[in-house]
N, C-alpha and C. Protein backbone atom coordinates (compact mmCIF):
# COMPACT_ATOMS: atom_id res chain seq x y z
N MET A 1 4.42 -2.59 15.22
CA MET A 1 4.67 -2.03 13.33
C MET A 1 3.94 -0.49 13.45
N LEU A 2 4.75 0.44 12.83
CA LEU A 2 4.42 1.85 12.87
C LEU A 2 3.03 2.39 12.04
N LYS A 3 2.21 2.67 12.56
CA LYS A 3 1.18 3.60 11.69
C LYS A 3 1.83 4.26 10.14
N SER A 4 1.14 4.13 9.73
CA SER A 4 1.35 5.05 8.34
C SER A 4 0.89 6.28 8.59
N PRO A 5 1.76 7.49 8.25
CA PRO A 5 1.74 8.76 8.50
C PRO A 5 0.46 9.54 8.12
N TYR A 6 0.19 8.96 6.84
CA TYR A 6 -1.39 9.28 6.48
C TYR A 6 -2.40 9.04 7.70
N GLU A 7 -2.43 7.91 7.89
CA GLU A 7 -3.50 7.10 9.32
C GLU A 7 -3.20 7.83 10.67
N LEU A 8 -1.92 7.90 10.88
CA LEU A 8 -1.79 8.96 11.99
C LEU A 8 -2.00 10.22 12.40
N VAL A 9 -1.97 10.81 11.10
CA VAL A 9 -1.95 12.17 10.84
C VAL A 9 -3.46 12.57 10.94
N ALA A 10 -4.38 12.08 10.03
CA ALA A 10 -5.53 11.91 10.03
C ALA A 10 -6.48 11.67 11.22
N GLU A 11 -5.86 10.29 11.83
CA GLU A 11 -6.39 10.23 13.72
C GLU A 11 -6.34 11.46 14.49
N ALA A 12 -5.13 12.27 14.25
CA ALA A 12 -4.49 13.11 15.42
C ALA A 12 -5.62 14.24 14.76
N LEU A 13 -6.10 14.86 13.35
CA LEU A 13 -6.59 15.78 13.26
C LEU A 13 -8.27 15.61 13.47
N GLY A 14 -8.74 14.04 13.28
CA GLY A 14 -9.85 13.89 13.06
C GLY A 14 -10.73 14.21 11.71
N CYS A 15 -9.64 13.79 10.69
CA CYS A 15 -10.73 13.50 9.11
C CYS A 15 -9.97 12.40 8.75
N ARG A 16 -10.47 12.41 7.24
CA ARG A 16 -10.24 11.10 6.37
C ARG A 16 -8.62 10.96 5.92
N PRO A 17 -7.99 10.00 5.88
CA PRO A 17 -7.02 9.95 4.97
C PRO A 17 -6.67 10.39 3.81
N GLU A 18 -7.54 10.39 3.03
CA GLU A 18 -7.97 10.82 1.73
C GLU A 18 -7.75 12.30 1.45
N THR A 19 -8.05 12.90 2.78
CA THR A 19 -8.13 14.17 2.25
C THR A 19 -6.62 15.11 2.83
N LEU A 20 -5.45 13.75 3.04
CA LEU A 20 -4.25 14.50 3.28
C LEU A 20 -3.48 14.36 1.77
N ARG A 21 -2.55 15.19 1.72
CA ARG A 21 -1.61 15.08 0.65
C ARG A 21 -0.51 15.08 0.70
N PRO A 22 0.79 14.66 0.06
CA PRO A 22 1.87 15.37 0.69
C PRO A 22 2.33 16.29 0.75
N ASP A 23 1.92 17.49 0.36
CA ASP A 23 1.70 19.24 0.66
C ASP A 23 1.14 19.64 2.02
N SER A 24 0.30 18.56 2.12
CA SER A 24 -0.52 19.09 3.35
C SER A 24 0.07 19.49 4.58
N GLY A 25 -0.46 20.39 5.40
CA GLY A 25 0.17 20.98 6.68
C GLY A 25 -0.61 22.09 7.41
N LEU A 26 0.31 22.50 8.40
CA LEU A 26 -0.21 23.74 9.04
C LEU A 26 -1.18 24.71 8.32
N ASN A 27 -1.94 24.99 8.67
CA ASN A 27 -2.61 25.99 8.02
C ASN A 27 -3.15 26.24 6.35
N ASN A 28 -2.95 24.89 5.67
CA ASN A 28 -3.22 25.10 4.33
C ASN A 28 -4.05 23.08 4.54
N HIS A 29 -4.56 22.81 5.46
CA HIS A 29 -5.44 21.78 5.69
C HIS A 29 -6.73 22.61 6.38
N PRO A 30 -7.96 22.24 6.26
CA PRO A 30 -9.06 22.60 6.84
C PRO A 30 -9.09 22.17 8.68
N MET A 31 -8.33 21.38 8.64
CA MET A 31 -8.39 20.33 10.30
C MET A 31 -7.06 20.78 10.92
N TRP A 32 -6.05 21.17 10.16
CA TRP A 32 -4.53 21.44 10.54
C TRP A 32 -4.43 22.82 10.91
N ASP A 33 -4.89 23.15 12.20
CA ASP A 33 -4.51 24.68 12.87
C ASP A 33 -3.55 24.49 13.51
N SER A 34 -3.39 25.19 14.74
CA SER A 34 -2.37 25.17 15.69
C SER A 34 -2.68 24.20 16.50
N PHE A 35 -3.62 24.31 17.21
CA PHE A 35 -4.77 23.13 17.83
C PHE A 35 -4.62 21.74 17.20
N GLY A 36 -4.37 21.47 16.04
CA GLY A 36 -4.07 20.25 15.25
C GLY A 36 -2.99 19.89 15.45
N GLN A 37 -2.01 20.93 15.30
CA GLN A 37 -0.39 20.75 15.11
C GLN A 37 0.43 20.26 16.57
N LEU A 38 -0.56 20.59 17.45
CA LEU A 38 -0.48 19.90 19.10
C LEU A 38 -0.92 18.97 18.96
N ASN A 39 -1.78 17.95 18.03
CA ASN A 39 -2.59 17.13 18.28
C ASN A 39 -1.16 15.75 17.41
N VAL A 40 -0.91 16.36 15.95
CA VAL A 40 -0.19 15.91 15.55
C VAL A 40 1.20 15.65 16.36
N MET A 41 1.80 16.63 17.01
CA MET A 41 3.06 16.33 17.60
C MET A 41 3.13 14.87 18.86
N MET A 42 1.66 15.41 19.37
CA MET A 42 1.48 14.24 20.56
C MET A 42 1.57 12.96 20.21
N ALA A 43 0.76 12.86 18.87
CA ALA A 43 0.42 11.48 18.31
C ALA A 43 2.30 10.99 17.36
N LEU A 44 3.32 11.70 17.13
CA LEU A 44 4.37 11.37 16.55
C LEU A 44 5.11 11.11 17.64
N GLU A 45 4.78 12.14 18.79
CA GLU A 45 5.94 11.55 19.92
C GLU A 45 5.48 9.96 20.24
N GLU A 46 3.99 9.70 20.34
CA GLU A 46 3.17 8.40 21.02
C GLU A 46 3.80 7.22 20.35
N ASN A 47 3.58 7.36 18.49
CA ASN A 47 3.91 6.58 17.67
C ASN A 47 5.06 6.37 17.23
N TYR A 48 6.10 7.45 16.92
CA TYR A 48 7.24 7.69 16.62
C TYR A 48 8.59 8.03 17.39
N GLY A 49 8.07 8.32 18.37
CA GLY A 49 9.18 8.65 19.46
C GLY A 49 10.08 9.93 19.20
N VAL A 50 9.16 10.72 18.61
CA VAL A 50 9.45 11.90 18.05
C VAL A 50 9.52 13.16 19.37
N PRO A 51 10.82 13.50 19.25
CA PRO A 51 10.39 14.65 20.81
C PRO A 51 9.88 15.83 20.33
N VAL A 52 9.00 16.22 21.19
CA VAL A 52 8.36 17.96 21.07
C VAL A 52 9.38 18.68 21.39
N ASP A 53 9.92 19.48 20.86
CA ASP A 53 10.73 20.43 20.47
C ASP A 53 10.18 21.40 19.65
N ASP A 54 10.93 22.72 19.80
CA ASP A 54 11.13 23.75 19.04
C ASP A 54 11.45 23.29 17.38
N ASP A 55 12.69 22.47 16.87
CA ASP A 55 13.00 22.09 16.31
C ASP A 55 12.12 20.83 15.44
N SER A 56 11.76 20.10 16.21
CA SER A 56 10.78 18.84 15.78
C SER A 56 9.67 19.72 15.58
N ILE A 57 8.88 20.42 16.20
CA ILE A 57 7.54 20.77 15.68
C ILE A 57 8.04 21.53 14.17
N ARG A 58 9.32 22.66 14.10
CA ARG A 58 8.93 23.14 12.60
C ARG A 58 9.60 22.11 11.97
N ALA A 59 9.93 21.31 11.93
CA ALA A 59 10.32 19.82 11.29
C ALA A 59 9.29 19.19 10.98
N HIS A 60 7.99 19.52 11.47
CA HIS A 60 6.99 18.10 11.34
C HIS A 60 5.88 19.18 11.19
N GLN A 61 5.71 20.02 10.67
CA GLN A 61 4.21 21.03 10.43
C GLN A 61 4.04 20.91 9.00
N GLY A 62 4.35 19.76 8.47
CA GLY A 62 3.62 19.13 6.78
C GLY A 62 3.97 17.89 6.91
N MET A 63 2.74 17.49 6.22
CA MET A 63 3.31 15.58 5.69
C MET A 63 4.90 15.43 5.49
N ALA A 64 5.30 16.27 4.19
CA ALA A 64 6.73 16.24 4.13
C ALA A 64 7.82 15.56 4.78
N GLY A 65 7.69 16.70 6.10
CA GLY A 65 8.70 16.49 7.23
C GLY A 65 7.83 15.46 8.00
N ILE A 66 6.98 14.90 7.85
CA ILE A 66 6.51 13.54 8.52
C ILE A 66 6.79 12.09 7.89
N LEU A 67 6.57 12.34 6.61
CA LEU A 67 7.13 11.17 5.26
C LEU A 67 8.41 11.22 5.31
N LYS A 68 9.01 12.06 5.92
CA LYS A 68 10.77 11.79 5.65
C LYS A 68 11.52 11.62 7.02
N THR A 69 10.76 11.25 8.13
CA THR A 69 10.77 10.62 9.36
C THR A 69 10.21 9.47 9.30
N TYR A 70 9.34 9.16 8.63
CA TYR A 70 8.43 7.90 8.56
C TYR A 70 9.51 6.95 7.60
N GLU A 71 10.16 7.69 7.00
CA GLU A 71 10.80 7.13 5.66
C GLU A 71 11.91 6.43 6.30
N THR A 72 12.31 7.47 7.28
CA THR A 72 14.04 7.29 8.09
C THR A 72 13.76 6.02 9.21
N LEU A 73 12.34 6.14 9.50
CA LEU A 73 12.25 5.28 11.05
C LEU A 73 12.27 3.77 10.04
N THR A 74 11.82 3.49 9.00
CA THR A 74 10.88 2.52 8.09
C THR A 74 12.48 2.02 7.78
N SER A 75 13.24 2.61 7.07
CA SER A 75 14.55 2.21 6.74
C SER A 75 15.43 1.67 7.25
N ASP A 76 15.48 2.71 8.92
CA ASP A 76 16.36 1.92 9.78
C ASP A 76 16.08 0.78 10.60
N ALA A 77 14.95 0.19 10.90
CA ALA A 77 14.20 -0.68 11.25
C ALA A 77 14.44 -2.10 10.07
N GLY A 78 14.75 -1.47 9.18
CA GLY A 78 14.90 -2.63 8.30
C GLY A 78 16.57 -3.35 7.85
N ARG A 79 17.06 -2.89 8.75
CA ARG A 79 18.78 -3.05 8.67
C ARG A 79 19.10 -4.15 9.70
């Protein structure tokens, strides 16, 4: 079972999931700086199989993109 996006990102950033909102992202959350983004991408690769490349990094700079990926993965799993 996949970790929830909020749990995954919170663990990667070292914060509580409650501090994350759907509009949280790179440079608008106290823990989500460039180093935090690297941690988020590594967690996405490990847990969701998201490749770490330029397009993926741009697509996952915030919770909105991560939530979209999670929805895609979970809807595909249900088929």
